[in-house]
N, C-alpha and C. Protein backbone atom coordinates (compact mmCIF):
# COMPACT_ATOMS: atom_id res chain seq x y z
N MET A 1 30.64 104.95 40.41
CA MET A 1 31.91 105.18 41.09
C MET A 1 32.07 106.68 41.38
N THR A 2 32.90 106.97 42.32
CA THR A 2 33.08 108.34 42.79
C THR A 2 34.31 108.99 42.19
N ARG A 3 34.14 110.24 41.79
CA ARG A 3 35.26 111.04 41.29
C ARG A 3 35.54 112.13 42.32
N VAL A 4 36.80 112.23 42.75
CA VAL A 4 37.20 113.27 43.68
C VAL A 4 38.16 114.21 42.96
N GLU A 5 37.91 115.49 43.12
CA GLU A 5 38.76 116.51 42.52
C GLU A 5 39.35 117.36 43.64
N ILE A 6 40.66 117.53 43.61
CA ILE A 6 41.34 118.36 44.59
C ILE A 6 41.95 119.54 43.83
N GLU A 7 41.36 120.71 44.02
CA GLU A 7 41.88 121.92 43.38
C GLU A 7 42.80 122.61 44.39
N TYR A 8 44.02 122.90 43.94
CA TYR A 8 44.99 123.49 44.86
C TYR A 8 45.71 124.66 44.19
N CYS A 9 46.09 125.63 45.00
CA CYS A 9 46.77 126.82 44.53
C CYS A 9 48.24 126.50 44.27
N VAL A 10 48.65 126.64 43.01
CA VAL A 10 50.04 126.37 42.65
C VAL A 10 50.98 127.42 43.24
N PRO A 11 50.72 128.73 43.02
CA PRO A 11 51.63 129.74 43.56
C PRO A 11 51.76 129.70 45.09
N CYS A 12 50.73 129.20 45.78
CA CYS A 12 50.75 129.16 47.24
C CYS A 12 51.52 127.95 47.78
N GLY A 13 51.90 127.04 46.90
CA GLY A 13 52.65 125.87 47.33
C GLY A 13 51.79 124.81 48.02
N MET A 14 50.56 124.62 47.56
CA MET A 14 49.64 123.68 48.19
C MET A 14 49.74 122.26 47.62
N LEU A 15 50.71 122.02 46.74
CA LEU A 15 50.83 120.70 46.13
C LEU A 15 51.00 119.61 47.19
N ASN A 16 51.81 119.84 48.21
CA ASN A 16 52.02 118.82 49.25
C ASN A 16 50.72 118.45 49.94
N ARG A 17 49.89 119.44 50.26
CA ARG A 17 48.61 119.15 50.89
C ARG A 17 47.71 118.35 49.94
N ALA A 18 47.70 118.74 48.68
CA ALA A 18 46.87 118.02 47.69
C ALA A 18 47.32 116.56 47.59
N GLN A 19 48.61 116.34 47.59
CA GLN A 19 49.14 114.97 47.52
C GLN A 19 48.81 114.20 48.79
N ASP A 20 48.89 114.85 49.95
CA ASP A 20 48.55 114.18 51.21
C ASP A 20 47.09 113.74 51.23
N VAL A 21 46.19 114.61 50.77
CA VAL A 21 44.77 114.27 50.75
C VAL A 21 44.52 113.15 49.74
N SER A 22 45.14 113.27 48.58
CA SER A 22 44.99 112.23 47.55
C SER A 22 45.44 110.87 48.07
N ARG A 23 46.59 110.83 48.70
CA ARG A 23 47.13 109.58 49.24
C ARG A 23 46.20 109.00 50.30
N ALA A 24 45.71 109.85 51.21
CA ALA A 24 44.82 109.39 52.28
C ALA A 24 43.53 108.82 51.71
N LEU A 25 42.97 109.47 50.70
CA LEU A 25 41.74 108.98 50.08
C LEU A 25 41.96 107.64 49.40
N LEU A 26 43.05 107.52 48.67
CA LEU A 26 43.34 106.27 47.97
C LEU A 26 43.63 105.13 48.94
N GLU A 27 44.32 105.43 50.02
CA GLU A 27 44.60 104.40 51.03
C GLU A 27 43.31 103.96 51.72
N GLN A 28 42.41 104.90 51.99
CA GLN A 28 41.18 104.59 52.70
C GLN A 28 40.15 103.87 51.82
N PHE A 29 39.98 104.36 50.59
CA PHE A 29 38.88 103.87 49.76
C PHE A 29 39.31 103.03 48.56
N GLY A 30 40.57 103.10 48.19
CA GLY A 30 41.11 102.27 47.11
C GLY A 30 40.24 102.22 45.88
N GLU A 31 39.80 101.02 45.53
CA GLU A 31 39.04 100.81 44.31
C GLU A 31 37.62 101.36 44.39
N GLY A 32 37.21 101.86 45.55
CA GLY A 32 35.91 102.49 45.67
C GLY A 32 35.85 103.84 44.98
N LEU A 33 37.01 104.35 44.60
CA LEU A 33 37.09 105.62 43.89
C LEU A 33 37.38 105.37 42.43
N ASP A 34 36.67 106.07 41.58
CA ASP A 34 36.91 105.97 40.15
C ASP A 34 38.12 106.79 39.76
N GLU A 35 38.26 107.95 40.41
CA GLU A 35 39.33 108.87 40.05
C GLU A 35 39.59 109.84 41.19
N VAL A 36 40.86 110.18 41.37
CA VAL A 36 41.25 111.28 42.25
C VAL A 36 42.10 112.19 41.37
N ALA A 37 41.58 113.38 41.09
CA ALA A 37 42.25 114.30 40.17
C ALA A 37 42.81 115.49 40.93
N LEU A 38 44.05 115.83 40.63
CA LEU A 38 44.66 117.05 41.15
C LEU A 38 44.50 118.12 40.07
N VAL A 39 43.85 119.22 40.43
CA VAL A 39 43.54 120.28 39.48
C VAL A 39 44.22 121.56 39.96
N THR A 40 45.02 122.17 39.09
CA THR A 40 45.72 123.38 39.49
C THR A 40 44.75 124.54 39.59
N GLY A 41 45.01 125.40 40.57
CA GLY A 41 44.20 126.58 40.80
C GLY A 41 45.09 127.74 41.21
N GLU A 42 44.47 128.80 41.66
CA GLU A 42 45.21 129.98 42.09
C GLU A 42 44.42 130.73 43.15
N LYS A 43 44.94 131.86 43.56
CA LYS A 43 44.27 132.74 44.53
C LYS A 43 43.95 132.03 45.84
N GLY A 44 44.86 131.18 46.29
CA GLY A 44 44.70 130.53 47.59
C GLY A 44 43.75 129.35 47.61
N ALA A 45 43.33 128.89 46.46
CA ALA A 45 42.34 127.80 46.40
C ALA A 45 42.88 126.49 46.98
N PHE A 46 42.04 125.86 47.76
CA PHE A 46 42.24 124.46 48.17
C PHE A 46 40.85 123.93 48.45
N VAL A 47 40.29 123.28 47.43
CA VAL A 47 38.91 122.82 47.46
C VAL A 47 38.87 121.35 47.07
N VAL A 48 38.12 120.57 47.84
CA VAL A 48 37.95 119.14 47.52
C VAL A 48 36.48 118.94 47.16
N ARG A 49 36.27 118.31 46.00
CA ARG A 49 34.92 118.00 45.53
C ARG A 49 34.77 116.50 45.34
N ALA A 50 33.64 115.98 45.75
CA ALA A 50 33.29 114.58 45.51
C ALA A 50 32.05 114.59 44.64
N ASP A 51 32.16 114.00 43.46
CA ASP A 51 31.06 114.00 42.50
C ASP A 51 30.49 115.41 42.32
N ASP A 52 31.40 116.37 42.14
CA ASP A 52 31.07 117.78 41.87
C ASP A 52 30.46 118.53 43.05
N GLU A 53 30.38 117.92 44.23
CA GLU A 53 29.89 118.60 45.43
C GLU A 53 31.09 118.99 46.30
N VAL A 54 31.14 120.24 46.73
CA VAL A 54 32.23 120.70 47.58
C VAL A 54 32.09 120.05 48.96
N VAL A 55 33.14 119.33 49.36
CA VAL A 55 33.14 118.71 50.70
C VAL A 55 34.16 119.38 51.62
N PHE A 56 35.07 120.18 51.02
CA PHE A 56 36.04 120.93 51.81
C PHE A 56 36.45 122.16 51.02
N ASP A 57 36.50 123.30 51.71
CA ASP A 57 36.98 124.54 51.11
C ASP A 57 37.82 125.26 52.16
N LYS A 58 39.08 125.47 51.84
CA LYS A 58 40.00 126.10 52.78
C LYS A 58 39.47 127.44 53.28
N ALA A 59 38.69 128.12 52.46
CA ALA A 59 38.15 129.43 52.84
C ALA A 59 37.13 129.31 53.97
N GLU A 60 36.56 128.11 54.14
CA GLU A 60 35.50 127.93 55.14
C GLU A 60 35.83 126.90 56.22
N ASP A 61 36.73 125.97 55.91
CA ASP A 61 37.00 124.86 56.81
C ASP A 61 38.47 124.84 57.23
N GLU A 62 38.71 124.27 58.40
CA GLU A 62 40.08 124.11 58.87
C GLU A 62 40.67 122.86 58.22
N TYR A 63 41.90 122.98 57.71
CA TYR A 63 42.55 121.86 57.02
C TYR A 63 42.80 120.71 57.99
N ASP A 64 42.25 119.56 57.66
CA ASP A 64 42.42 118.34 58.46
C ASP A 64 42.18 117.16 57.51
N VAL A 65 43.24 116.43 57.22
CA VAL A 65 43.14 115.33 56.26
C VAL A 65 42.08 114.33 56.69
N ASP A 66 42.05 113.97 57.96
CA ASP A 66 41.07 112.98 58.43
C ASP A 66 39.64 113.49 58.26
N ALA A 67 39.42 114.77 58.49
CA ALA A 67 38.08 115.34 58.32
C ALA A 67 37.67 115.33 56.85
N ILE A 68 38.62 115.56 55.96
CA ILE A 68 38.33 115.52 54.53
C ILE A 68 37.97 114.10 54.11
N VAL A 69 38.70 113.11 54.61
CA VAL A 69 38.38 111.71 54.31
C VAL A 69 36.97 111.38 54.80
N ARG A 70 36.63 111.82 56.00
CA ARG A 70 35.28 111.58 56.53
C ARG A 70 34.21 112.26 55.68
N ALA A 71 34.52 113.44 55.16
CA ALA A 71 33.55 114.16 54.33
C ALA A 71 33.32 113.47 52.98
N VAL A 72 34.33 112.78 52.49
CA VAL A 72 34.21 112.07 51.21
C VAL A 72 33.50 110.73 51.39
N ARG A 73 33.62 110.12 52.56
CA ARG A 73 33.08 108.78 52.83
C ARG A 73 31.65 108.56 52.32
N PRO A 74 30.69 109.46 52.58
CA PRO A 74 29.32 109.19 52.11
C PRO A 74 29.20 109.08 50.60
N TYR A 75 30.11 109.68 49.89
CA TYR A 75 30.05 109.64 48.43
C TYR A 75 30.55 108.31 47.85
N VAL A 76 31.35 107.59 48.60
CA VAL A 76 31.83 106.29 48.10
C VAL A 76 31.03 105.15 48.69
N GLY A 77 30.03 105.47 49.48
CA GLY A 77 29.16 104.43 50.03
C GLY A 77 29.82 103.58 51.08
N ALA A 78 30.93 104.08 51.64
CA ALA A 78 31.61 103.32 52.69
C ALA A 78 30.82 103.42 53.98
N THR A 79 30.93 102.40 54.80
CA THR A 79 30.25 102.42 56.10
C THR A 79 31.22 102.93 57.14
N PRO A 80 30.72 103.64 58.13
CA PRO A 80 31.60 104.20 59.17
C PRO A 80 32.27 103.12 60.00
């Protein structure tokens, strides 16, 4: 099963984005995910990891919930 970790910057107010991504992943993959964890961070962090592999990093990628869901898809074995 797949574990997804969403690290978000607390001081930056990124909780809403983390919740939006979490909700989208759970709606899309449901029981295909073992866990979706929200992990507090700082210094502008907003990083999504699937099975410990970075699939999204705000420092490098443009925020797009649908793109993040697509990036996680290969880790849950879902078909396009």
